[in-house]
Amino acid sequence: MLILLGIVVPLLVPTYAHAAPALFGIPFFYWYQMLWVFGDAIILWICYRLISAEDRRRRDAARAEVGADGAGATEVTR
């Protein structure tokens, strides 16, 4: 859902299709879009961190479950 924010809001062109207020002489239309480029990068980084943490949690839980059952152990004896 967080990624949708970075996709949908920049598509709402009527909300930023004007020149004022200018920032350092750059019309609002342009600097608002550039702001979303950096904002989207931050949003994607947050999503990546959330997904990575959840993936790590699930992998650790699966390893703990396999270790507790004793199944899947591949011990080689000679």
C-alpha atoms as a PDB file:
ATOM      1  CA  MET A   1       0.000   0.000   0.000  1.00  0.00           C
ATOM      2  CA  LEU A   2       2.882   2.355   0.690  1.00  0.00           C
ATOM      3  CA  ILE A   3       4.218   1.936  -2.844  1.00  0.00           C
ATOM      4  CA  LEU A   4       0.819   2.937  -4.249  1.00  0.00           C
ATOM      5  CA  LEU A   5       1.256   6.341  -2.623  1.00  0.00           C
ATOM      6  CA  GLY A   6       4.377   6.969  -4.683  1.00  0.00           C
ATOM      7  CA  ILE A   7       2.644   5.839  -7.865  1.00  0.00           C
ATOM      8  CA  VAL A   8      -0.819   7.378  -7.597  1.00  0.00           C
ATOM      9  CA  VAL A   9      -0.053  10.822  -6.145  1.00  0.00           C
ATOM     10  CA  PRO A  10       2.287  11.919  -8.985  1.00  0.00           C
ATOM     11  CA  LEU A  11      -0.402  10.841 -11.466  1.00  0.00           C
ATOM     12  CA  LEU A  12      -2.805  13.406 -10.021  1.00  0.00           C
ATOM     13  CA  VAL A  13      -1.496  16.129 -12.328  1.00  0.00           C
ATOM     14  CA  PRO A  14      -4.220  18.734 -11.609  1.00  0.00           C
ATOM     15  CA  THR A  15      -2.937  18.974  -8.030  1.00  0.00           C
ATOM     16  CA  TYR A  16       0.415  20.382  -9.165  1.00  0.00           C
ATOM     17  CA  ALA A  17      -0.131  21.729 -12.705  1.00  0.00           C
ATOM     18  CA  HIS A  18       0.780  25.343 -11.920  1.00  0.00           C
ATOM     19  CA  ALA A  19       3.881  27.503 -11.773  1.00  0.00           C
ATOM     20  CA  ALA A  20       3.539  29.050  -8.311  1.00  0.00           C
ATOM     21  CA  PRO A  21       5.130  28.760  -5.825  1.00  0.00           C
ATOM     22  CA  ALA A  22       8.562  28.809  -7.399  1.00  0.00           C
ATOM     23  CA  LEU A  23      11.570  27.440  -5.545  1.00  0.00           C
ATOM     24  CA  PHE A  24      14.858  29.135  -6.479  1.00  0.00           C
ATOM     25  CA  GLY A  25      13.202  30.231  -9.726  1.00  0.00           C
ATOM     26  CA  ILE A  26      12.059  26.694 -10.589  1.00  0.00           C
ATOM     27  CA  PRO A  27       8.291  26.421 -11.175  1.00  0.00           C
ATOM     28  CA  PHE A  28       6.288  24.283  -8.750  1.00  0.00           C
ATOM     29  CA  PHE A  29       5.413  21.793 -11.506  1.00  0.00           C
ATOM     30  CA  TYR A  30       9.056  20.771 -11.895  1.00  0.00           C
ATOM     31  CA  TRP A  31      10.345  20.797  -8.339  1.00  0.00           C
ATOM     32  CA  TYR A  32       7.276  18.922  -7.081  1.00  0.00           C
ATOM     33  CA  GLN A  33       7.965  16.100  -9.544  1.00  0.00           C
ATOM     34  CA  MET A  34      11.638  15.995  -8.553  1.00  0.00           C
ATOM     35  CA  LEU A  35      10.595  15.893  -4.907  1.00  0.00           C
ATOM     36  CA  TRP A  36       8.594  12.761  -5.700  1.00  0.00           C
ATOM     37  CA  VAL A  37      11.643  11.128  -7.309  1.00  0.00           C
ATOM     38  CA  PHE A  38      13.483  11.344  -3.999  1.00  0.00           C
ATOM     39  CA  GLY A  39      10.328  10.566  -2.027  1.00  0.00           C
ATOM     40  CA  ASP A  40       9.740   7.413  -4.082  1.00  0.00           C
ATOM     41  CA  ALA A  41      13.306   6.307  -3.451  1.00  0.00           C
ATOM     42  CA  ILE A  42      12.715   6.639   0.292  1.00  0.00           C
ATOM     43  CA  ILE A  43       9.379   4.819   0.058  1.00  0.00           C
ATOM     44  CA  LEU A  44      10.974   1.958  -1.875  1.00  0.00           C
ATOM     45  CA  TRP A  45      13.798   1.726   0.677  1.00  0.00           C
ATOM     46  CA  ILE A  46      11.250   1.495   3.513  1.00  0.00           C
ATOM     47  CA  CYS A  47       9.325  -1.223   1.655  1.00  0.00           C
ATOM     48  CA  TYR A  48      12.540  -3.134   0.994  1.00  0.00           C
ATOM     49  CA  ARG A  49      13.486  -3.007   4.679  1.00  0.00           C
ATOM     50  CA  LEU A  50      10.024  -4.192   5.755  1.00  0.00           C
ATOM     51  CA  ILE A  51       9.992  -7.063   3.263  1.00  0.00           C
ATOM     52  CA  SER A  52      13.569  -8.085   4.140  1.00  0.00           C
ATOM     53  CA  ALA A  53      12.784  -8.129   7.856  1.00  0.00           C
ATOM     54  CA  GLU A  54       9.668 -10.237   7.307  1.00  0.00           C
ATOM     55  CA  ASP A  55      11.559 -12.622   5.024  1.00  0.00           C
ATOM     56  CA  ARG A  56      14.335 -12.987   7.615  1.00  0.00           C
ATOM     57  CA  ARG A  57      11.754 -13.634  10.354  1.00  0.00           C
ATOM     58  CA  ARG A  58      10.043 -16.339   8.299  1.00  0.00           C
ATOM     59  CA  ARG A  59      13.315 -18.036   7.383  1.00  0.00           C
ATOM     60  CA  ASP A  60      14.421 -18.080  11.027  1.00  0.00           C
ATOM     61  CA  ALA A  61      11.069 -19.544  12.080  1.00  0.00           C
ATOM     62  CA  ALA A  62      11.327 -22.246   9.400  1.00  0.00           C
ATOM     63  CA  ARG A  63      14.876 -23.125  10.476  1.00  0.00           C
ATOM     64  CA  ALA A  64      13.821 -23.311  14.118  1.00  0.00           C
ATOM     65  CA  GLU A  65      10.900 -25.561  13.200  1.00  0.00           C
ATOM     66  CA  VAL A  66      13.108 -27.920  11.183  1.00  0.00           C
ATOM     67  CA  GLY A  67      15.697 -27.972  13.952  1.00  0.00           C
ATOM     68  CA  ALA A  68      13.109 -28.798  16.622  1.00  0.00           C
ATOM     69  CA  ASP A  69      11.563 -31.648  14.612  1.00  0.00           C
ATOM     70  CA  GLY A  70      14.897 -33.161  13.732  1.00  0.00           C
ATOM     71  CA  ALA A  71      13.648 -33.594  10.190  1.00  0.00           C
ATOM     72  CA  GLY A  72      15.789 -32.441   7.387  1.00  0.00           C
ATOM     73  CA  ALA A  73      19.011 -33.051   9.256  1.00  0.00           C
ATOM     74  CA  THR A  74      21.676 -34.152   6.782  1.00  0.00           C
ATOM     75  CA  GLU A  75      24.392 -35.432   9.036  1.00  0.00           C
ATOM     76  CA  VAL A  76      26.996 -37.596   7.346  1.00  0.00           C
ATOM     77  CA  THR A  77      28.504 -40.449   9.405  1.00  0.00           C
ATOM     78  CA  ARG A  78      31.547 -42.461   8.443  1.00  0.00           C
END
